Amino acid sequence: MDWKWNHISIEGNNNLVLQDANGQTTIVAITAFIEQFTRKQDEQIA
């Protein structure tokens, strides 16, 4: 993954606010964000 985030903060009910190097913001649930990095391990455990 080639992610370049300028700023990350937590807002509201467990939402991450990600600001990229161009100033664009994205709001994503913390669980959805973490799932992207743990999906392969979860599949192996199952």
Protein backbone atom coordinates (compact mmCIF):
# COMPACT_ATOMS: atom_id res chain seq x y z
CA MET A 1 0.00 0.00 0.00
CA ASP A 2 1.26 3.41 -0.90
CA TRP A 3 -0.52 5.72 1.52
CA LYS A 4 0.75 9.20 2.26
CA TRP A 5 -1.33 10.84 4.95
CA ASN A 6 -0.52 14.31 6.19
CA HIS A 7 -2.75 14.21 9.27
CA ILE A 8 -4.86 11.58 11.07
CA SER A 9 -7.32 12.31 13.87
CA ILE A 10 -10.24 10.59 15.62
CA GLU A 11 -13.68 12.19 15.44
CA GLY A 12 -17.05 11.29 16.88
CA ASN A 13 -17.94 7.63 17.35
CA ASN A 14 -14.67 5.91 16.40
CA ASN A 15 -14.20 7.57 13.02
CA LEU A 16 -10.77 8.35 11.62
CA VAL A 17 -10.34 11.57 9.70
CA LEU A 18 -7.49 11.17 7.21
CA GLN A 19 -6.02 14.15 5.40
CA ASP A 20 -3.71 13.37 2.49
CA ALA A 21 -0.78 15.40 1.22
CA ASN A 22 -3.10 17.25 -1.22
CA GLY A 23 -5.46 18.39 1.55
CA GLN A 24 -8.29 15.98 0.69
CA THR A 25 -10.01 14.48 3.73
CA THR A 26 -11.55 11.03 4.10
CA ILE A 27 -13.62 9.79 7.03
CA VAL A 28 -13.56 6.06 7.70
CA ALA A 29 -14.59 3.86 10.63
CA ILE A 30 -11.62 2.73 12.70
CA THR A 31 -12.68 -0.92 12.37
CA ALA A 32 -12.82 -0.68 8.56
CA PHE A 33 -9.38 0.96 8.50
CA ILE A 34 -7.81 -1.72 10.71
CA GLU A 35 -9.49 -4.52 8.74
CA GLN A 36 -7.50 -3.55 5.64
CA PHE A 37 -4.28 -4.42 7.46
CA THR A 38 -5.46 -7.56 9.28
CA ARG A 39 -7.59 -9.30 6.61
CA LYS A 40 -4.91 -11.85 5.59
CA GLN A 41 -4.14 -12.78 9.19
CA ASP A 42 -7.85 -13.18 10.00
CA GLU A 43 -8.24 -15.51 7.00
CA GLN A 44 -5.28 -17.61 8.17
CA ILE A 45 -6.71 -17.87 11.68
CA ALA A 46 -10.12 -18.94 10.35
